[in-house]
Amino acid sequence: MCKLNAPKFGLSCGILWGLAVLILGLSATYANYGTAVIELLSSVYVGLDITLVGAIVGGIWGFLDGLIGGFIFAWLYNKLI
């Protein structure tokens, strides 16, 4: 089986999740779509709100969360195979 490159996998997860939270925050801000999800995520990500600045802060938190979670997942996967 192939091993995963943990730093690259973490970076790709961070970019993907950070952009997802940013886009969702922007859609909640400007299109009033997904506000319930933003309210749910704001209980975890400090500073995430239905504003432009809140969407950017949420995107940064999402990036960091995805980066750490993806790295841990790939590292653990490599240890178990």
PDB file of N, CA and C in Angstrom:
ATOM      1  N   MET A   1       0.839  -1.186   0.000  1.00  0.00           N
ATOM      2  CA  MET A   1       0.000   0.000   0.000  1.00  0.00           C
ATOM      3  C   MET A   1       0.881   1.245   0.000  1.00  0.00           C
ATOM      4  N   CYS A   2       0.333   2.279  -0.573  1.00  0.00           N
ATOM      5  CA  CYS A   2       1.058   3.544  -0.642  1.00  0.00           C
ATOM      6  C   CYS A   2       0.889   4.313   0.661  1.00  0.00           C
ATOM      7  N   LYS A   3       1.943   4.995   1.022  1.00  0.00           N
ATOM      8  CA  LYS A   3       1.868   5.874   2.188  1.00  0.00           C
ATOM      9  C   LYS A   3       1.472   7.269   1.731  1.00  0.00           C
ATOM     10  N   LEU A   4       0.832   7.977   2.624  1.00  0.00           N
ATOM     11  CA  LEU A   4       0.435   9.352   2.354  1.00  0.00           C
ATOM     12  C   LEU A   4       1.524  10.307   2.827  1.00  0.00           C
ATOM     13  N   ASN A   5       1.729  11.371   2.081  1.00  0.00           N
ATOM     14  CA  ASN A   5       2.630  12.432   2.511  1.00  0.00           C
ATOM     15  C   ASN A   5       1.832  13.318   3.469  1.00  0.00           C
ATOM     16  N   ALA A   6       2.098  13.174   4.759  1.00  0.00           N
ATOM     17  CA  ALA A   6       1.277  13.826   5.781  1.00  0.00           C
ATOM     18  C   ALA A   6       1.242  15.354   5.652  1.00  0.00           C
ATOM     19  N   PRO A   7       2.370  16.046   5.446  1.00  0.00           N
ATOM     20  CA  PRO A   7       2.278  17.505   5.319  1.00  0.00           C
ATOM     21  C   PRO A   7       1.463  17.954   4.106  1.00  0.00           C
ATOM     22  N   LYS A   8       1.650  17.285   2.975  1.00  0.00           N
ATOM     23  CA  LYS A   8       0.897  17.673   1.779  1.00  0.00           C
ATOM     24  C   LYS A   8      -0.583  17.334   1.913  1.00  0.00           C
ATOM     25  N   PHE A   9      -0.882  16.192   2.519  1.00  0.00           N
ATOM     26  CA  PHE A   9      -2.277  15.821   2.734  1.00  0.00           C
ATOM     27  C   PHE A   9      -2.944  16.812   3.685  1.00  0.00           C
ATOM     28  N   GLY A  10      -2.244  17.183   4.748  1.00  0.00           N
ATOM     29  CA  GLY A  10      -2.784  18.166   5.682  1.00  0.00           C
ATOM     30  C   GLY A  10      -3.017  19.511   5.025  1.00  0.00           C
ATOM     31  N   LEU A  11      -2.077  19.926   4.174  1.00  0.00           N
ATOM     32  CA  LEU A  11      -2.221  21.205   3.481  1.00  0.00           C
ATOM     33  C   LEU A  11      -3.419  21.183   2.536  1.00  0.00           C
ATOM     34  N   SER A  12      -3.580  20.088   1.809  1.00  0.00           N
ATOM     35  CA  SER A  12      -4.720  20.014   0.889  1.00  0.00           C
ATOM     36  C   SER A  12      -6.044  19.982   1.648  1.00  0.00           C
ATOM     37  N   CYS A  13      -6.100  19.283   2.773  1.00  0.00           N
ATOM     38  CA  CYS A  13      -7.325  19.278   3.588  1.00  0.00           C
ATOM     39  C   CYS A  13      -7.597  20.668   4.151  1.00  0.00           C
ATOM     40  N   GLY A  14      -6.550  21.355   4.578  1.00  0.00           N
ATOM     41  CA  GLY A  14      -6.710  22.700   5.116  1.00  0.00           C
ATOM     42  C   GLY A  14      -7.228  23.680   4.078  1.00  0.00           C
ATOM     43  N   ILE A  15      -6.671  23.614   2.873  1.00  0.00           N
ATOM     44  CA  ILE A  15      -7.130  24.506   1.806  1.00  0.00           C
ATOM     45  C   ILE A  15      -8.584  24.209   1.456  1.00  0.00           C
ATOM     46  N   LEU A  16      -8.910  22.930   1.325  1.00  0.00           N
ATOM     47  CA  LEU A  16     -10.273  22.549   0.956  1.00  0.00           C
ATOM     48  C   LEU A  16     -11.287  22.987   2.015  1.00  0.00           C
ATOM     49  N   TRP A  17     -11.013  22.697   3.294  1.00  0.00           N
ATOM     50  CA  TRP A  17     -11.969  23.040   4.349  1.00  0.00           C
ATOM     51  C   TRP A  17     -12.013  24.552   4.592  1.00  0.00           C
ATOM     52  N   GLY A  18     -10.861  25.214   4.498  1.00  0.00           N
ATOM     53  CA  GLY A  18     -10.843  26.662   4.669  1.00  0.00           C
ATOM     54  C   GLY A  18     -11.658  27.373   3.603  1.00  0.00           C
ATOM     55  N   LEU A  19     -11.506  26.939   2.348  1.00  0.00           N
ATOM     56  CA  LEU A  19     -12.299  27.537   1.278  1.00  0.00           C
ATOM     57  C   LEU A  19     -13.782  27.230   1.430  1.00  0.00           C
ATOM     58  N   ALA A  20     -14.094  26.023   1.882  1.00  0.00           N
ATOM     59  CA  ALA A  20     -15.502  25.662   2.077  1.00  0.00           C
ATOM     60  C   ALA A  20     -16.151  26.550   3.133  1.00  0.00           C
ATOM     61  N   VAL A  21     -15.469  26.770   4.243  1.00  0.00           N
ATOM     62  CA  VAL A  21     -16.026  27.625   5.303  1.00  0.00           C
ATOM     63  C   VAL A  21     -16.105  29.072   4.829  1.00  0.00           C
ATOM     64  N   LEU A  22     -15.090  29.528   4.096  1.00  0.00           N
ATOM     65  CA  LEU A  22     -15.099  30.896   3.574  1.00  0.00           C
ATOM     66  C   LEU A  22     -16.262  31.102   2.603  1.00  0.00           C
ATOM     67  N   ILE A  23     -16.441  30.188   1.670  1.00  0.00           N
ATOM     68  CA  ILE A  23     -17.523  30.315   0.695  1.00  0.00           C
ATOM     69  C   ILE A  23     -18.882  30.231   1.379  1.00  0.00           C
ATOM     70  N   LEU A  24     -19.004  29.341   2.340  1.00  0.00           N
ATOM     71  CA  LEU A  24     -20.270  29.243   3.071  1.00  0.00           C
ATOM     72  C   LEU A  24     -20.543  30.526   3.857  1.00  0.00           C
ATOM     73  N   GLY A  25     -19.505  31.096   4.458  1.00  0.00           N
ATOM     74  CA  GLY A  25     -19.672  32.359   5.177  1.00  0.00           C
ATOM     75  C   GLY A  25     -20.061  33.500   4.257  1.00  0.00           C
ATOM     76  N   LEU A  26     -19.453  33.537   3.073  1.00  0.00           N
ATOM     77  CA  LEU A  26     -19.809  34.583   2.112  1.00  0.00           C
ATOM     78  C   LEU A  26     -21.224  34.405   1.583  1.00  0.00           C
ATOM     79  N   SER A  27     -21.625  33.150   1.371  1.00  0.00           N
ATOM     80  CA  SER A  27     -22.998  32.929   0.898  1.00  0.00           C
ATOM     81  C   SER A  27     -24.015  33.294   1.976  1.00  0.00           C
ATOM     82  N   ALA A  28     -23.668  33.066   3.233  1.00  0.00           N
ATOM     83  CA  ALA A  28     -24.571  33.464   4.319  1.00  0.00           C
ATOM     84  C   ALA A  28     -24.626  34.979   4.446  1.00  0.00           C
ATOM     85  N   THR A  29     -23.509  35.641   4.177  1.00  0.00           N
ATOM     86  CA  THR A  29     -23.463  37.097   4.294  1.00  0.00           C
ATOM     87  C   THR A  29     -24.232  37.783   3.176  1.00  0.00           C
ATOM     88  N   TYR A  30     -23.996  37.357   1.941  1.00  0.00           N
ATOM     89  CA  TYR A  30     -24.545  38.093   0.802  1.00  0.00           C
ATOM     90  C   TYR A  30     -25.815  37.488   0.213  1.00  0.00           C
ATOM     91  N   ALA A  31     -26.016  36.174   0.355  1.00  0.00           N
ATOM     92  CA  ALA A  31     -27.200  35.544  -0.237  1.00  0.00           C
ATOM     93  C   ALA A  31     -28.171  35.027   0.816  1.00  0.00           C
ATOM     94  N   ASN A  32     -27.826  35.197   2.082  1.00  0.00           N
ATOM     95  CA  ASN A  32     -28.655  34.712   3.191  1.00  0.00           C
ATOM     96  C   ASN A  32     -28.938  33.216   3.053  1.00  0.00           C
ATOM     97  N   TYR A  33     -27.924  32.469   2.625  1.00  0.00           N
ATOM     98  CA  TYR A  33     -28.034  31.024   2.423  1.00  0.00           C
ATOM     99  C   TYR A  33     -27.016  30.319   3.318  1.00  0.00           C
ATOM    100  N   GLY A  34     -27.463  29.370   4.098  1.00  0.00           N
ATOM    101  CA  GLY A  34     -26.562  28.625   4.965  1.00  0.00           C
ATOM    102  C   GLY A  34     -26.330  29.271   6.318  1.00  0.00           C
ATOM    103  N   THR A  35     -27.225  30.122   6.737  1.00  0.00           N
ATOM    104  CA  THR A  35     -27.025  30.817   8.007  1.00  0.00           C
ATOM    105  C   THR A  35     -27.073  29.861   9.196  1.00  0.00           C
ATOM    106  N   ALA A  36     -27.884  28.804   9.107  1.00  0.00           N
ATOM    107  CA  ALA A  36     -27.958  27.847  10.219  1.00  0.00           C
ATOM    108  C   ALA A  36     -26.640  27.098  10.384  1.00  0.00           C
ATOM    109  N   VAL A  37     -25.981  26.795   9.271  1.00  0.00           N
ATOM    110  CA  VAL A  37     -24.691  26.099   9.345  1.00  0.00           C
ATOM    111  C   VAL A  37     -23.632  27.023   9.934  1.00  0.00           C
ATOM    112  N   ILE A  38     -23.669  28.290   9.560  1.00  0.00           N
ATOM    113  CA  ILE A  38     -22.714  29.255  10.112  1.00  0.00           C
ATOM    114  C   ILE A  38     -22.932  29.416  11.609  1.00  0.00           C
ATOM    115  N   GLU A  39     -24.181  29.453  12.039  1.00  0.00           N
ATOM    116  CA  GLU A  39     -24.456  29.547  13.476  1.00  0.00           C
ATOM    117  C   GLU A  39     -23.937  28.315  14.209  1.00  0.00           C
ATOM    118  N   LEU A  40     -24.057  27.144  13.591  1.00  0.00           N
ATOM    119  CA  LEU A  40     -23.536  25.924  14.197  1.00  0.00           C
ATOM    120  C   LEU A  40     -22.010  25.947  14.260  1.00  0.00           C
ATOM    121  N   LEU A  41     -21.363  26.318  13.164  1.00  0.00           N
ATOM    122  CA  LEU A  41     -19.901  26.355  13.137  1.00  0.00           C
ATOM    123  C   LEU A  41     -19.339  27.460  14.025  1.00  0.00           C
ATOM    124  N   SER A  42     -20.098  28.524  14.233  1.00  0.00           N
ATOM    125  CA  SER A  42     -19.594  29.619  15.069  1.00  0.00           C
ATOM    126  C   SER A  42     -19.467  29.210  16.528  1.00  0.00           C
ATOM    127  N   SER A  43     -20.108  28.111  16.911  1.00  0.00           N
ATOM    128  CA  SER A  43     -19.918  27.616  18.277  1.00  0.00           C
ATOM    129  C   SER A  43     -18.557  26.952  18.438  1.00  0.00           C
ATOM    130  N   VAL A  44     -17.920  26.600  17.324  1.00  0.00           N
ATOM    131  CA  VAL A  44     -16.599  25.966  17.364  1.00  0.00           C
ATOM    132  C   VAL A  44     -15.509  26.947  16.950  1.00  0.00           C
ATOM    133  N   TYR A  45     -15.760  27.710  15.903  1.00  0.00           N
ATOM    134  CA  TYR A  45     -14.774  28.653  15.376  1.00  0.00           C
ATOM    135  C   TYR A  45     -15.050  30.051  15.927  1.00  0.00           C
ATOM    136  N   VAL A  46     -14.200  30.507  16.820  1.00  0.00           N
ATOM    137  CA  VAL A  46     -14.349  31.824  17.438  1.00  0.00           C
ATOM    138  C   VAL A  46     -14.157  32.903  16.373  1.00  0.00           C
ATOM    139  N   GLY A  47     -15.091  33.814  16.278  1.00  0.00           N
ATOM    140  CA  GLY A  47     -15.000  34.914  15.331  1.00  0.00           C
ATOM    141  C   GLY A  47     -15.781  34.697  14.058  1.00  0.00           C
ATOM    142  N   LEU A  48     -16.216  33.474  13.801  1.00  0.00           N
ATOM    143  CA  LEU A  48     -17.027  33.207  12.611  1.00  0.00           C
ATOM    144  C   LEU A  48     -18.398  33.831  12.807  1.00  0.00           C
ATOM    145  N   ASP A  49     -18.794  34.657  11.858  1.00  0.00           N
ATOM    146  CA  ASP A  49     -20.068  35.366  11.956  1.00  0.00           C
ATOM    147  C   ASP A  49     -20.582  35.628  10.548  1.00  0.00           C
ATOM    148  N   ILE A  50     -21.790  36.099  10.444  1.00  0.00           N
ATOM    149  CA  ILE A  50     -22.393  36.372   9.145  1.00  0.00           C
ATOM    150  C   ILE A  50     -22.019  37.790   8.718  1.00  0.00           C
ATOM    151  N   THR A  51     -20.722  38.015   8.564  1.00  0.00           N
ATOM    152  CA  THR A  51     -20.169  39.265   8.057  1.00  0.00           C
ATOM    153  C   THR A  51     -18.981  38.913   7.171  1.00  0.00           C
ATOM    154  N   LEU A  52     -18.465  39.888   6.449  1.00  0.00           N
ATOM    155  CA  LEU A  52     -17.299  39.645   5.602  1.00  0.00           C
ATOM    156  C   LEU A  52     -16.085  39.273   6.443  1.00  0.00           C
ATOM    157  N   VAL A  53     -15.843  40.027   7.505  1.00  0.00           N
ATOM    158  CA  VAL A  53     -14.705  39.733   8.383  1.00  0.00           C
ATOM    159  C   VAL A  53     -14.898  38.384   9.067  1.00  0.00           C
ATOM    160  N   GLY A  54     -16.116  38.082   9.478  1.00  0.00           N
ATOM    161  CA  GLY A  54     -16.402  36.801  10.107  1.00  0.00           C
ATOM    162  C   GLY A  54     -16.165  35.638   9.165  1.00  0.00           C
ATOM    163  N   ALA A  55     -16.499  35.810   7.881  1.00  0.00           N
ATOM    164  CA  ALA A  55     -16.262  34.754   6.900  1.00  0.00           C
ATOM    165  C   ALA A  55     -14.766  34.525   6.702  1.00  0.00           C
ATOM    166  N   ILE A  56     -13.990  35.595   6.681  1.00  0.00           N
ATOM    167  CA  ILE A  56     -12.536  35.464   6.522  1.00  0.00           C
ATOM    168  C   ILE A  56     -11.926  34.792   7.744  1.00  0.00           C
ATOM    169  N   VAL A  57     -12.350  35.202   8.928  1.00  0.00           N
ATOM    170  CA  VAL A  57     -11.861  34.572  10.161  1.00  0.00           C
ATOM    171  C   VAL A  57     -12.239  33.095  10.185  1.00  0.00           C
ATOM    172  N   GLY A  58     -13.460  32.776   9.783  1.00  0.00           N
ATOM    173  CA  GLY A  58     -13.887  31.387   9.722  1.00  0.00           C
ATOM    174  C   GLY A  58     -13.082  30.586   8.718  1.00  0.00           C
ATOM    175  N   GLY A  59     -12.740  31.196   7.591  1.00  0.00           N
ATOM    176  CA  GLY A  59     -11.899  30.521   6.605  1.00  0.00           C
ATOM    177  C   GLY A  59     -10.516  30.210   7.148  1.00  0.00           C
ATOM    178  N   ILE A  60      -9.970  31.130   7.935  1.00  0.00           N
ATOM    179  CA  ILE A  60      -8.655  30.895   8.550  1.00  0.00           C
ATOM    180  C   ILE A  60      -8.745  29.768   9.567  1.00  0.00           C
ATOM    181  N   TRP A  61      -9.782  29.795  10.405  1.00  0.00           N
ATOM    182  CA  TRP A  61      -9.974  28.710  11.375  1.00  0.00           C
ATOM    183  C   TRP A  61     -10.189  27.378  10.663  1.00  0.00           C
ATOM    184  N   GLY A  62     -10.974  27.401   9.593  1.00  0.00           N
ATOM    185  CA  GLY A  62     -11.211  26.181   8.831  1.00  0.00           C
ATOM    186  C   GLY A  62      -9.934  25.636   8.224  1.00  0.00           C
ATOM    187  N   PHE A  63      -9.078  26.533   7.717  1.00  0.00           N
ATOM    188  CA  PHE A  63      -7.798  26.099   7.171  1.00  0.00           C
ATOM    189  C   PHE A  63      -6.946  25.428   8.240  1.00  0.00           C
ATOM    190  N   LEU A  64      -6.847  26.064   9.403  1.00  0.00           N
ATOM    191  CA  LEU A  64      -6.039  25.488  10.482  1.00  0.00           C
ATOM    192  C   LEU A  64      -6.612  24.159  10.968  1.00  0.00           C
ATOM    193  N   ASP A  65      -7.920  24.083  11.076  1.00  0.00           N
ATOM    194  CA  ASP A  65      -8.576  22.852  11.506  1.00  0.00           C
ATOM    195  C   ASP A  65      -8.341  21.728  10.498  1.00  0.00           C
ATOM    196  N   GLY A  66      -8.517  22.026   9.216  1.00  0.00           N
ATOM    197  CA  GLY A  66      -8.288  21.026   8.177  1.00  0.00           C
ATOM    198  C   GLY A  66      -6.835  20.614   8.081  1.00  0.00           C
ATOM    199  N   LEU A  67      -5.928  21.569   8.256  1.00  0.00           N
ATOM    200  CA  LEU A  67      -4.498  21.271   8.210  1.00  0.00           C
ATOM    201  C   LEU A  67      -4.107  20.298   9.312  1.00  0.00           C
ATOM    202  N   ILE A  68      -4.501  20.590  10.525  1.00  0.00           N
ATOM    203  CA  ILE A  68      -4.149  19.733  11.660  1.00  0.00           C
ATOM    204  C   ILE A  68      -4.860  18.389  11.560  1.00  0.00           C
ATOM    205  N   GLY A  69      -6.150  18.409  11.255  1.00  0.00           N
ATOM    206  CA  GLY A  69      -6.903  17.162  11.146  1.00  0.00           C
ATOM    207  C   GLY A  69      -6.404  16.280  10.018  1.00  0.00           C
ATOM    208  N   GLY A  70      -6.107  16.871   8.872  1.00  0.00           N
ATOM    209  CA  GLY A  70      -5.583  16.104   7.744  1.00  0.00           C
ATOM    210  C   GLY A  70      -4.214  15.528   8.024  1.00  0.00           C
ATOM    211  N   PHE A  71      -3.356  16.308   8.681  1.00  0.00           N
ATOM    212  CA  PHE A  71      -2.026  15.812   9.027  1.00  0.00           C
ATOM    213  C   PHE A  71      -2.121  14.633   9.986  1.00  0.00           C
ATOM    214  N   ILE A  72      -2.945  14.762  11.019  1.00  0.00           N
ATOM    215  CA  ILE A  72      -3.100  13.675  11.993  1.00  0.00           C
ATOM    216  C   ILE A  72      -3.679  12.437  11.318  1.00  0.00           C
ATOM    217  N   PHE A  73      -4.661  12.617  10.442  1.00  0.00           N
ATOM    218  CA  PHE A  73      -5.248  11.481   9.738  1.00  0.00           C
ATOM    219  C   PHE A  73      -4.202  10.756   8.901  1.00  0.00           C
ATOM    220  N   ALA A  74      -3.413  11.503   8.103  1.00  0.00           N
ATOM    221  CA  ALA A  74      -2.402  10.876   7.248  1.00  0.00           C
ATOM    222  C   ALA A  74      -1.306  10.224   8.080  1.00  0.00           C
ATOM    223  N   TRP A  75      -0.894  10.863   9.160  1.00  0.00           N
ATOM    224  CA  TRP A  75       0.140  10.290  10.022  1.00  0.00           C
ATOM    225  C   TRP A  75      -0.341   8.983  10.632  1.00  0.00           C
ATOM    226  N   LEU A  76      -1.568   8.982  11.133  1.00  0.00           N
ATOM    227  CA  LEU A  76      -2.129   7.777  11.728  1.00  0.00           C
ATOM    228  C   LEU A  76      -2.319   6.683  10.678  1.00  0.00           C
ATOM    229  N   TYR A  77      -2.765   7.050   9.504  1.00  0.00           N
ATOM    230  CA  TYR A  77      -2.917   6.090   8.407  1.00  0.00           C
ATOM    231  C   TYR A  77      -1.577   5.436   8.079  1.00  0.00           C
ATOM    232  N   ASN A  78      -0.520   6.255   7.997  1.00  0.00           N
ATOM    233  CA  ASN A  78       0.807   5.710   7.694  1.00  0.00           C
ATOM    234  C   ASN A  78       1.306   4.785   8.795  1.00  0.00           C
ATOM    235  N   LYS A  79       0.961   5.059  10.031  1.00  0.00           N
ATOM    236  CA  LYS A  79       1.393   4.198  11.138  1.00  0.00           C
ATOM    237  C   LYS A  79       0.654   2.866  11.139  1.00  0.00           C
ATOM    238  N   LEU A  80      -0.587   2.863  10.672  1.00  0.00           N
ATOM    239  CA  LEU A  80      -1.402   1.654  10.745  1.00  0.00           C
ATOM    240  C   LEU A  80      -1.247   0.728   9.542  1.00  0.00           C
ATOM    241  N   ILE A  81      -0.695   1.217   8.438  1.00  0.00           N
ATOM    242  CA  ILE A  81      -0.529   0.306   7.298  1.00  0.00           C
ATOM    243  C   ILE A  81       0.795  -0.411   7.343  1.00  0.00           C
TER     244      ILE A  81
END
